[in-house]
Amino acid sequence: MSNQSSFLPEDYLAHKQERRTNFICVLLFVVVMCSVVGAFLVTNQQWTHVKEEQQAINVSYQEAGKQIHELTELERQRDEMLHKAELAAALVERVPRSILLAELINRMPSQLGLLEFELRSTRVRPARKVEDRDRRPERISGRGRTQSREEVGEEVDRVDVPRYLVTIGLTGVAPTDIEVSRFMTELNAYRLVRNVTLVYSEEREIEGRKVRQFRINMELSQDADVRQVDPLQVPRLRNPMRDDMMIGDSPMDGAVNVPLNR
């Protein structure tokens, strides 16, 4: 008789083996399902965390967008205020003609006389940039759509700040070219004028005396402002624009007045 022999029926043994197999399969199924449910819960929790972070980032972007819009609006208001200030400053004459003439006369040698003082103002129109001409109207965000500045009634083009090129011409006479050279040196050192040019200096005879008639052209500096320059105060005994000119330093030295034919 074999040792593996059993007294149990074969049907019972087969049924017992089948139940054991079914239990193992169910157990494995439960383990797999628990793993799937656990993985789903973990993944869902991670997605929830990602969505919360995404919402926080969207809120941060919206707040940053509002701050950028406010900053842009402040910059636009600042530019408008600066533009208005430039327009207001352009209406104020920073170099009055009387003070300019006085400053030029104070820098003249005592023996030099003026025949003509000419001042001209020419408006300088700024060159339009290509991108400014081709630039489309700026768009402003509205409710659900964008609106152009024309639609909201805002002015697109600004009024240009008027700028002028002031040219000055002086025609006068002097005993010699030394006085003319001294006058040119003083003008070149003066901060309110630039491009000082001697057009001509020629000999001329007046009442039997030879003098030098000259012509000087210059320009007023674009940023000229008499408030930034200390005035030069020179005592004078004669008017350099009178009808005669003194040849010599003083009457004690034999100086004489020569009439000028203007």
C-alpha atoms as a PDB file:
ATOM      1  CA  MET A   1       0.000   0.000   0.000  1.00  0.00           C
ATOM      2  CA  SER A   2       1.328   3.422  -0.971  1.00  0.00           C
ATOM      3  CA  ASN A   3       2.035   6.153   1.653  1.00  0.00           C
ATOM      4  CA  GLN A   4       0.248   8.823  -0.496  1.00  0.00           C
ATOM      5  CA  SER A   5      -2.995   6.962  -0.416  1.00  0.00           C
ATOM      6  CA  SER A   6      -5.877   8.747   1.260  1.00  0.00           C
ATOM      7  CA  PHE A   7      -9.094   7.657   2.530  1.00  0.00           C
ATOM      8  CA  LEU A   8     -10.837  10.863   1.278  1.00  0.00           C
ATOM      9  CA  PRO A   9     -12.800  10.745  -1.926  1.00  0.00           C
ATOM     10  CA  GLU A  10     -11.147  12.194  -5.012  1.00  0.00           C
ATOM     11  CA  ASP A  11     -14.089  14.515  -5.679  1.00  0.00           C
ATOM     12  CA  TYR A  12     -13.664  16.075  -2.253  1.00  0.00           C
ATOM     13  CA  LEU A  13      -9.960  16.617  -2.792  1.00  0.00           C
ATOM     14  CA  ALA A  14     -10.518  18.151  -6.225  1.00  0.00           C
ATOM     15  CA  HIS A  15     -13.216  20.485  -4.872  1.00  0.00           C
ATOM     16  CA  LYS A  16     -10.934  21.519  -2.001  1.00  0.00           C
ATOM     17  CA  GLN A  17      -8.110  22.320  -4.431  1.00  0.00           C
ATOM     18  CA  GLU A  18     -10.472  24.361  -6.591  1.00  0.00           C
ATOM     19  CA  ARG A  19     -11.656  26.415  -3.596  1.00  0.00           C
ATOM     20  CA  ARG A  20      -8.069  27.088  -2.585  1.00  0.00           C
ATOM     21  CA  THR A  21      -7.295  28.274  -6.117  1.00  0.00           C
ATOM     22  CA  ASN A  22     -10.370  30.499  -6.195  1.00  0.00           C
ATOM     23  CA  PHE A  23      -9.445  32.043  -2.843  1.00  0.00           C
ATOM     24  CA  ILE A  24      -5.949  32.837  -4.056  1.00  0.00           C
ATOM     25  CA  CYS A  25      -7.340  34.408  -7.260  1.00  0.00           C
ATOM     26  CA  VAL A  26      -9.828  36.509  -5.297  1.00  0.00           C
ATOM     27  CA  LEU A  27      -7.063  37.574  -2.920  1.00  0.00           C
ATOM     28  CA  LEU A  28      -4.830  38.569  -5.817  1.00  0.00           C
ATOM     29  CA  PHE A  29      -7.747  40.416  -7.443  1.00  0.00           C
ATOM     30  CA  VAL A  30      -8.407  42.309  -4.218  1.00  0.00           C
ATOM     31  CA  VAL A  31      -4.726  43.215  -3.934  1.00  0.00           C
ATOM     32  CA  VAL A  32      -4.630  44.429  -7.515  1.00  0.00           C
ATOM     33  CA  MET A  33      -7.830  46.459  -7.102  1.00  0.00           C
ATOM     34  CA  CYS A  34      -6.528  47.992  -3.872  1.00  0.00           C
ATOM     35  CA  SER A  35      -3.338  48.944  -5.660  1.00  0.00           C
ATOM     36  CA  VAL A  36      -5.326  50.494  -8.545  1.00  0.00           C
ATOM     37  CA  VAL A  37      -7.588  52.417  -6.143  1.00  0.00           C
ATOM     38  CA  GLY A  38      -4.582  53.572  -4.134  1.00  0.00           C
ATOM     39  CA  ALA A  39      -2.782  54.704  -7.280  1.00  0.00           C
ATOM     40  CA  PHE A  40      -5.928  56.530  -8.422  1.00  0.00           C
ATOM     41  CA  LEU A  41      -6.269  58.308  -5.077  1.00  0.00           C
ATOM     42  CA  VAL A  42      -2.605  59.335  -5.061  1.00  0.00           C
ATOM     43  CA  THR A  43      -2.800  60.526  -8.676  1.00  0.00           C
ATOM     44  CA  ASN A  44      -6.022  62.407  -7.985  1.00  0.00           C
ATOM     45  CA  GLN A  45      -4.462  64.083  -4.952  1.00  0.00           C
ATOM     46  CA  GLN A  46      -1.453  65.106  -7.045  1.00  0.00           C
ATOM     47  CA  TRP A  47      -3.715  66.507  -9.778  1.00  0.00           C
ATOM     48  CA  THR A  48      -5.650  68.431  -7.143  1.00  0.00           C
ATOM     49  CA  HIS A  49      -2.401  69.904  -5.847  1.00  0.00           C
ATOM     50  CA  VAL A  50      -1.341  70.793  -9.396  1.00  0.00           C
ATOM     51  CA  LYS A  51      -4.678  72.507 -10.048  1.00  0.00           C
ATOM     52  CA  GLU A  52      -4.365  74.484  -6.825  1.00  0.00           C
ATOM     53  CA  GLU A  53      -0.871  75.615  -7.829  1.00  0.00           C
ATOM     54  CA  GLN A  54      -2.144  76.482 -11.313  1.00  0.00           C
ATOM     55  CA  GLN A  55      -4.937  78.570  -9.838  1.00  0.00           C
ATOM     56  CA  ALA A  56      -2.475  80.333  -7.540  1.00  0.00           C
ATOM     57  CA  ILE A  57      -0.199  81.043 -10.526  1.00  0.00           C
ATOM     58  CA  ASN A  58      -3.161  82.378 -12.526  1.00  0.00           C
ATOM     59  CA  VAL A  59      -4.097  84.666  -9.649  1.00  0.00           C
ATOM     60  CA  SER A  60      -0.482  85.864  -9.433  1.00  0.00           C
ATOM     61  CA  TYR A  61      -0.462  86.519 -13.196  1.00  0.00           C
ATOM     62  CA  GLN A  62      -3.702  88.478 -12.926  1.00  0.00           C
ATOM     63  CA  GLU A  63      -2.345  90.568 -10.064  1.00  0.00           C
ATOM     64  CA  ALA A  64       0.907  91.130 -11.957  1.00  0.00           C
ATOM     65  CA  GLY A  65      -1.114  92.124 -15.029  1.00  0.00           C
ATOM     66  CA  LYS A  66      -3.057  94.659 -12.965  1.00  0.00           C
ATOM     67  CA  GLN A  67       0.169  96.059 -11.534  1.00  0.00           C
ATOM     68  CA  ILE A  68       1.705  96.287 -15.013  1.00  0.00           C
ATOM     69  CA  HIS A  69      -1.415  98.047 -16.290  1.00  0.00           C
ATOM     70  CA  GLU A  70      -1.320 100.502 -13.367  1.00  0.00           C
ATOM     71  CA  LEU A  71       2.395 101.103 -13.942  1.00  0.00           C
ATOM     72  CA  THR A  72       1.788 101.677 -17.649  1.00  0.00           C
ATOM     73  CA  GLU A  73      -1.010 104.110 -16.822  1.00  0.00           C
ATOM     74  CA  LEU A  74       1.246 105.978 -14.369  1.00  0.00           C
ATOM     75  CA  GLU A  75       3.995 106.190 -17.000  1.00  0.00           C
ATOM     76  CA  ARG A  76       1.488 107.507 -19.534  1.00  0.00           C
ATOM     77  CA  GLN A  77       0.275 110.138 -17.079  1.00  0.00           C
ATOM     78  CA  ARG A  78       3.880 111.070 -16.278  1.00  0.00           C
ATOM     79  CA  ASP A  79       4.680 111.449 -19.984  1.00  0.00           C
ATOM     80  CA  GLU A  80       1.603 113.622 -20.456  1.00  0.00           C
ATOM     81  CA  MET A  81       2.583 115.823 -17.499  1.00  0.00           C
ATOM     82  CA  LEU A  82       6.148 116.155 -18.824  1.00  0.00           C
ATOM     83  CA  HIS A  83       4.794 116.999 -22.269  1.00  0.00           C
ATOM     84  CA  LYS A  84       2.503 119.665 -20.801  1.00  0.00           C
ATOM     85  CA  ALA A  85       5.411 121.029 -18.777  1.00  0.00           C
ATOM     86  CA  GLU A  86       7.520 121.247 -21.948  1.00  0.00           C
ATOM     87  CA  LEU A  87       4.677 123.043 -23.736  1.00  0.00           C
ATOM     88  CA  ALA A  88       4.337 125.485 -20.846  1.00  0.00           C
ATOM     89  CA  ALA A  89       8.105 126.042 -20.730  1.00  0.00           C
ATOM     90  CA  ALA A  90       8.174 126.681 -24.476  1.00  0.00           C
ATOM     91  CA  LEU A  91       5.770 129.595 -24.003  1.00  0.00           C
ATOM     92  CA  VAL A  92       8.176 131.315 -21.613  1.00  0.00           C
ATOM     93  CA  GLU A  93      11.029 133.270 -23.148  1.00  0.00           C
ATOM     94  CA  ARG A  94      14.081 131.954 -21.320  1.00  0.00           C
ATOM     95  CA  VAL A  95      16.407 134.526 -22.902  1.00  0.00           C
ATOM     96  CA  PRO A  96      14.727 137.965 -23.161  1.00  0.00           C
ATOM     97  CA  ARG A  97      16.047 139.992 -26.074  1.00  0.00           C
ATOM     98  CA  SER A  98      16.872 142.986 -23.909  1.00  0.00           C
ATOM     99  CA  ILE A  99      19.032 140.870 -21.606  1.00  0.00           C
ATOM    100  CA  LEU A 100      20.674 139.150 -24.581  1.00  0.00           C
ATOM    101  CA  LEU A 101      21.551 142.493 -26.163  1.00  0.00           C
ATOM    102  CA  ALA A 102      22.890 143.764 -22.851  1.00  0.00           C
ATOM    103  CA  GLU A 103      25.044 140.646 -22.406  1.00  0.00           C
ATOM    104  CA  LEU A 104      26.491 140.997 -25.904  1.00  0.00           C
ATOM    105  CA  ILE A 105      27.204 144.712 -25.398  1.00  0.00           C
ATOM    106  CA  ASN A 106      28.897 144.051 -22.046  1.00  0.00           C
ATOM    107  CA  ARG A 107      31.301 141.695 -23.801  1.00  0.00           C
ATOM    108  CA  MET A 108      32.224 144.236 -26.467  1.00  0.00           C
ATOM    109  CA  PRO A 109      35.532 146.143 -26.292  1.00  0.00           C
ATOM    110  CA  SER A 110      35.042 149.767 -25.317  1.00  0.00           C
ATOM    111  CA  GLN A 111      36.174 151.073 -28.751  1.00  0.00           C
ATOM    112  CA  LEU A 112      33.883 148.828 -30.763  1.00  0.00           C
ATOM    113  CA  GLY A 113      30.612 150.167 -32.198  1.00  0.00           C
ATOM    114  CA  LEU A 114      27.539 148.417 -33.569  1.00  0.00           C
ATOM    115  CA  LEU A 115      25.817 149.372 -36.790  1.00  0.00           C
ATOM    116  CA  GLU A 116      23.216 146.632 -36.920  1.00  0.00           C
ATOM    117  CA  PHE A 117      21.789 144.019 -34.573  1.00  0.00           C
ATOM    118  CA  GLU A 118      19.710 141.315 -36.273  1.00  0.00           C
ATOM    119  CA  LEU A 119      17.848 138.508 -34.517  1.00  0.00           C
ATOM    120  CA  ARG A 120      15.753 135.909 -36.335  1.00  0.00           C
ATOM    121  CA  SER A 121      13.740 132.962 -35.019  1.00  0.00           C
ATOM    122  CA  THR A 122      13.007 129.968 -37.232  1.00  0.00           C
ATOM    123  CA  ARG A 123      10.797 127.169 -36.008  1.00  0.00           C
ATOM    124  CA  VAL A 124      12.474 123.775 -36.184  1.00  0.00           C
ATOM    125  CA  ARG A 125      10.078 120.969 -37.002  1.00  0.00           C
ATOM    126  CA  PRO A 126      11.123 117.609 -35.547  1.00  0.00           C
ATOM    127  CA  ALA A 127      11.688 114.799 -38.023  1.00  0.00           C
ATOM    128  CA  ARG A 128       9.019 112.135 -37.824  1.00  0.00           C
ATOM    129  CA  LYS A 129      10.351 108.644 -37.331  1.00  0.00           C
ATOM    130  CA  VAL A 130       9.221 105.927 -39.705  1.00  0.00           C
ATOM    131  CA  GLU A 131       7.881 103.776 -36.884  1.00  0.00           C
ATOM    132  CA  ASP A 132       5.874 106.760 -35.592  1.00  0.00           C
ATOM    133  CA  ARG A 133       4.273 107.345 -38.983  1.00  0.00           C
ATOM    134  CA  ASP A 134       3.500 103.671 -39.499  1.00  0.00           C
ATOM    135  CA  ARG A 135       2.459 103.008 -35.919  1.00  0.00           C
ATOM    136  CA  ARG A 136      -1.091 101.817 -35.539  1.00  0.00           C
ATOM    137  CA  PRO A 137      -3.395 103.376 -32.959  1.00  0.00           C
ATOM    138  CA  GLU A 138      -2.718 102.043 -29.508  1.00  0.00           C
ATOM    139  CA  ARG A 139      -5.366  99.680 -28.280  1.00  0.00           C
ATOM    140  CA  ILE A 140      -6.910  99.728 -24.839  1.00  0.00           C
ATOM    141  CA  SER A 141      -8.523  96.681 -23.292  1.00  0.00           C
ATOM    142  CA  GLY A 142     -12.267  96.975 -22.747  1.00  0.00           C
ATOM    143  CA  ARG A 143     -15.066  94.691 -21.601  1.00  0.00           C
ATOM    144  CA  GLY A 144     -14.544  91.498 -23.527  1.00  0.00           C
ATOM    145  CA  ARG A 145     -12.854  93.251 -26.458  1.00  0.00           C
ATOM    146  CA  THR A 146     -10.255  95.821 -27.342  1.00  0.00           C
ATOM    147  CA  GLN A 147     -11.038  99.424 -28.173  1.00  0.00           C
ATOM    148  CA  SER A 148      -8.914 101.875 -30.075  1.00  0.00           C
ATOM    149  CA  ARG A 149      -8.230 105.323 -28.675  1.00  0.00           C
ATOM    150  CA  GLU A 150     -10.436 106.811 -31.368  1.00  0.00           C
ATOM    151  CA  GLU A 151     -13.358 104.756 -30.044  1.00  0.00           C
ATOM    152  CA  VAL A 152     -12.916 105.965 -26.483  1.00  0.00           C
ATOM    153  CA  GLY A 153     -12.390 109.545 -27.624  1.00  0.00           C
ATOM    154  CA  GLU A 154      -8.701 109.870 -26.730  1.00  0.00           C
ATOM    155  CA  GLU A 155      -6.344 111.897 -28.863  1.00  0.00           C
ATOM    156  CA  VAL A 156      -3.603 109.832 -30.512  1.00  0.00           C
ATOM    157  CA  ASP A 157      -1.305 112.534 -31.904  1.00  0.00           C
ATOM    158  CA  ARG A 158       0.352 114.948 -29.507  1.00  0.00           C
ATOM    159  CA  VAL A 159       1.049 118.571 -30.163  1.00  0.00           C
ATOM    160  CA  ASP A 160       4.735 119.008 -30.905  1.00  0.00           C
ATOM    161  CA  VAL A 161       6.673 121.196 -28.510  1.00  0.00           C
ATOM    162  CA  PRO A 162       7.655 124.299 -30.515  1.00  0.00           C
ATOM    163  CA  ARG A 163      11.413 124.671 -30.866  1.00  0.00           C
ATOM    164  CA  TYR A 164      13.118 127.601 -32.502  1.00  0.00           C
ATOM    165  CA  LEU A 165      16.528 128.192 -33.984  1.00  0.00           C
ATOM    166  CA  VAL A 166      17.531 131.729 -33.050  1.00  0.00           C
ATOM    167  CA  THR A 167      20.244 133.287 -35.221  1.00  0.00           C
ATOM    168  CA  ILE A 168      21.970 136.534 -34.320  1.00  0.00           C
ATOM    169  CA  GLY A 169      23.822 138.854 -36.688  1.00  0.00           C
ATOM    170  CA  LEU A 170      26.038 141.715 -35.567  1.00  0.00           C
ATOM    171  CA  THR A 171      27.449 144.346 -37.909  1.00  0.00           C
ATOM    172  CA  GLY A 172      29.834 146.883 -36.441  1.00  0.00           C
ATOM    173  CA  VAL A 173      33.079 148.781 -36.734  1.00  0.00           C
ATOM    174  CA  ALA A 174      36.299 148.730 -34.720  1.00  0.00           C
ATOM    175  CA  PRO A 175      39.608 150.618 -34.912  1.00  0.00           C
ATOM    176  CA  THR A 176      41.591 147.417 -35.663  1.00  0.00           C
ATOM    177  CA  ASP A 177      41.130 143.687 -35.990  1.00  0.00           C
ATOM    178  CA  ILE A 178      42.444 143.305 -32.449  1.00  0.00           C
ATOM    179  CA  GLU A 179      39.145 144.564 -31.011  1.00  0.00           C
ATOM    180  CA  VAL A 180      37.233 142.245 -33.339  1.00  0.00           C
ATOM    181  CA  SER A 181      39.352 139.304 -32.214  1.00  0.00           C
ATOM    182  CA  ARG A 182      38.793 140.165 -28.571  1.00  0.00           C
ATOM    183  CA  PHE A 183      35.040 140.365 -29.177  1.00  0.00           C
ATOM    184  CA  MET A 184      35.094 136.953 -30.924  1.00  0.00           C
ATOM    185  CA  THR A 185      36.972 135.446 -27.970  1.00  0.00           C
ATOM    186  CA  GLU A 186      34.389 136.784 -25.515  1.00  0.00           C
ATOM    187  CA  LEU A 187      31.511 135.455 -27.618  1.00  0.00           C
ATOM    188  CA  ASN A 188      33.061 131.989 -27.945  1.00  0.00           C
ATOM    189  CA  ALA A 189      33.403 131.844 -24.158  1.00  0.00           C
ATOM    190  CA  TYR A 190      29.759 132.845 -23.628  1.00  0.00           C
ATOM    191  CA  ARG A 191      27.548 129.853 -22.773  1.00  0.00           C
ATOM    192  CA  LEU A 192      24.329 131.183 -24.287  1.00  0.00           C
ATOM    193  CA  VAL A 193      25.616 131.374 -27.874  1.00  0.00           C
ATOM    194  CA  ARG A 194      27.303 128.887 -30.187  1.00  0.00           C
ATOM    195  CA  ASN A 195      28.704 128.628 -33.711  1.00  0.00           C
ATOM    196  CA  VAL A 196      30.205 132.109 -33.564  1.00  0.00           C
ATOM    197  CA  THR A 197      31.430 132.901 -37.086  1.00  0.00           C
ATOM    198  CA  LEU A 198      33.223 135.927 -38.476  1.00  0.00           C
ATOM    199  CA  VAL A 199      31.627 136.525 -41.877  1.00  0.00           C
ATOM    200  CA  TYR A 200      33.952 139.307 -42.950  1.00  0.00           C
ATOM    201  CA  SER A 201      36.242 142.015 -41.629  1.00  0.00           C
ATOM    202  CA  GLU A 202      37.136 144.672 -44.170  1.00  0.00           C
ATOM    203  CA  GLU A 203      38.773 148.066 -44.150  1.00  0.00           C
ATOM    204  CA  ARG A 204      36.606 151.145 -44.414  1.00  0.00           C
ATOM    205  CA  GLU A 205      37.382 154.844 -44.320  1.00  0.00           C
ATOM    206  CA  ILE A 206      35.234 157.131 -42.160  1.00  0.00           C
ATOM    207  CA  GLU A 207      35.990 160.886 -41.882  1.00  0.00           C
ATOM    208  CA  GLY A 208      39.488 160.278 -43.173  1.00  0.00           C
ATOM    209  CA  ARG A 209      40.177 157.527 -40.637  1.00  0.00           C
ATOM    210  CA  LYS A 210      40.540 153.853 -41.497  1.00  0.00           C
ATOM    211  CA  VAL A 211      38.467 151.437 -39.425  1.00  0.00           C
ATOM    212  CA  ARG A 212      37.478 147.780 -39.681  1.00  0.00           C
ATOM    213  CA  GLN A 213      33.887 146.937 -40.500  1.00  0.00           C
ATOM    214  CA  PHE A 214      32.929 143.384 -39.528  1.00  0.00           C
ATOM    215  CA  ARG A 215      30.014 140.988 -39.555  1.00  0.00           C
ATOM    216  CA  ILE A 216      29.562 138.231 -36.926  1.00  0.00           C
ATOM    217  CA  ASN A 217      26.892 135.528 -37.051  1.00  0.00           C
ATOM    218  CA  MET A 218      26.018 133.188 -34.185  1.00  0.00           C
ATOM    219  CA  GLU A 219      23.232 130.982 -32.874  1.00  0.00           C
ATOM    220  CA  LEU A 220      21.474 130.918 -29.547  1.00  0.00           C
ATOM    221  CA  SER A 221      21.984 127.608 -27.727  1.00  0.00           C
ATOM    222  CA  GLN A 222      18.938 125.331 -27.654  1.00  0.00           C
ATOM    223  CA  ASP A 223      19.113 125.000 -23.863  1.00  0.00           C
ATOM    224  CA  ALA A 224      19.999 128.641 -23.268  1.00  0.00           C
ATOM    225  CA  ASP A 225      18.597 130.057 -20.045  1.00  0.00           C
ATOM    226  CA  VAL A 226      19.700 133.348 -18.527  1.00  0.00           C
ATOM    227  CA  ARG A 227      18.820 132.034 -15.059  1.00  0.00           C
ATOM    228  CA  GLN A 228      21.741 129.605 -15.295  1.00  0.00           C
ATOM    229  CA  VAL A 229      24.326 132.257 -16.239  1.00  0.00           C
ATOM    230  CA  ASP A 230      25.621 135.021 -14.028  1.00  0.00           C
ATOM    231  CA  PRO A 231      25.215 138.369 -15.804  1.00  0.00           C
ATOM    232  CA  LEU A 232      28.347 140.275 -16.700  1.00  0.00           C
ATOM    233  CA  GLN A 233      28.273 143.803 -15.316  1.00  0.00           C
ATOM    234  CA  VAL A 234      30.674 146.203 -17.000  1.00  0.00           C
ATOM    235  CA  PRO A 235      30.533 149.982 -16.403  1.00  0.00           C
ATOM    236  CA  ARG A 236      30.353 151.905 -19.677  1.00  0.00           C
ATOM    237  CA  LEU A 237      30.820 155.580 -20.410  1.00  0.00           C
ATOM    238  CA  ARG A 238      29.235 155.470 -23.859  1.00  0.00           C
ATOM    239  CA  ASN A 239      26.539 153.715 -25.820  1.00  0.00           C
ATOM    240  CA  PRO A 240      28.116 151.347 -28.381  1.00  0.00           C
ATOM    241  CA  MET A 241      25.101 151.819 -30.662  1.00  0.00           C
ATOM    242  CA  ARG A 242      25.274 155.632 -30.832  1.00  0.00           C
ATOM    243  CA  ASP A 243      25.911 157.478 -34.071  1.00  0.00           C
ATOM    244  CA  ASP A 244      29.641 157.980 -33.539  1.00  0.00           C
ATOM    245  CA  MET A 245      32.591 155.856 -32.438  1.00  0.00           C
ATOM    246  CA  MET A 246      35.519 156.827 -30.233  1.00  0.00           C
ATOM    247  CA  ILE A 247      38.942 156.189 -31.752  1.00  0.00           C
ATOM    248  CA  GLY A 248      41.330 155.894 -28.835  1.00  0.00           C
ATOM    249  CA  ASP A 249      41.035 154.914 -25.188  1.00  0.00           C
ATOM    250  CA  SER A 250      39.925 158.241 -23.715  1.00  0.00           C
ATOM    251  CA  PRO A 251      39.762 161.948 -24.594  1.00  0.00           C
ATOM    252  CA  MET A 252      42.851 162.469 -22.410  1.00  0.00           C
ATOM    253  CA  ASP A 253      44.842 160.310 -24.858  1.00  0.00           C
ATOM    254  CA  GLY A 254      43.672 162.207 -27.869  1.00  0.00           C
ATOM    255  CA  ALA A 255      40.698 160.032 -28.644  1.00  0.00           C
ATOM    256  CA  VAL A 256      38.171 161.460 -31.085  1.00  0.00           C
ATOM    257  CA  ASN A 257      34.578 160.583 -31.973  1.00  0.00           C
ATOM    258  CA  VAL A 258      34.095 159.555 -35.578  1.00  0.00           C
ATOM    259  CA  PRO A 259      30.501 159.816 -36.938  1.00  0.00           C
ATOM    260  CA  LEU A 260      29.129 156.585 -38.424  1.00  0.00           C
ATOM    261  CA  ASN A 261      27.044 156.558 -41.577  1.00  0.00           C
ATOM    262  CA  ARG A 262      24.423 153.929 -40.907  1.00  0.00           C
END
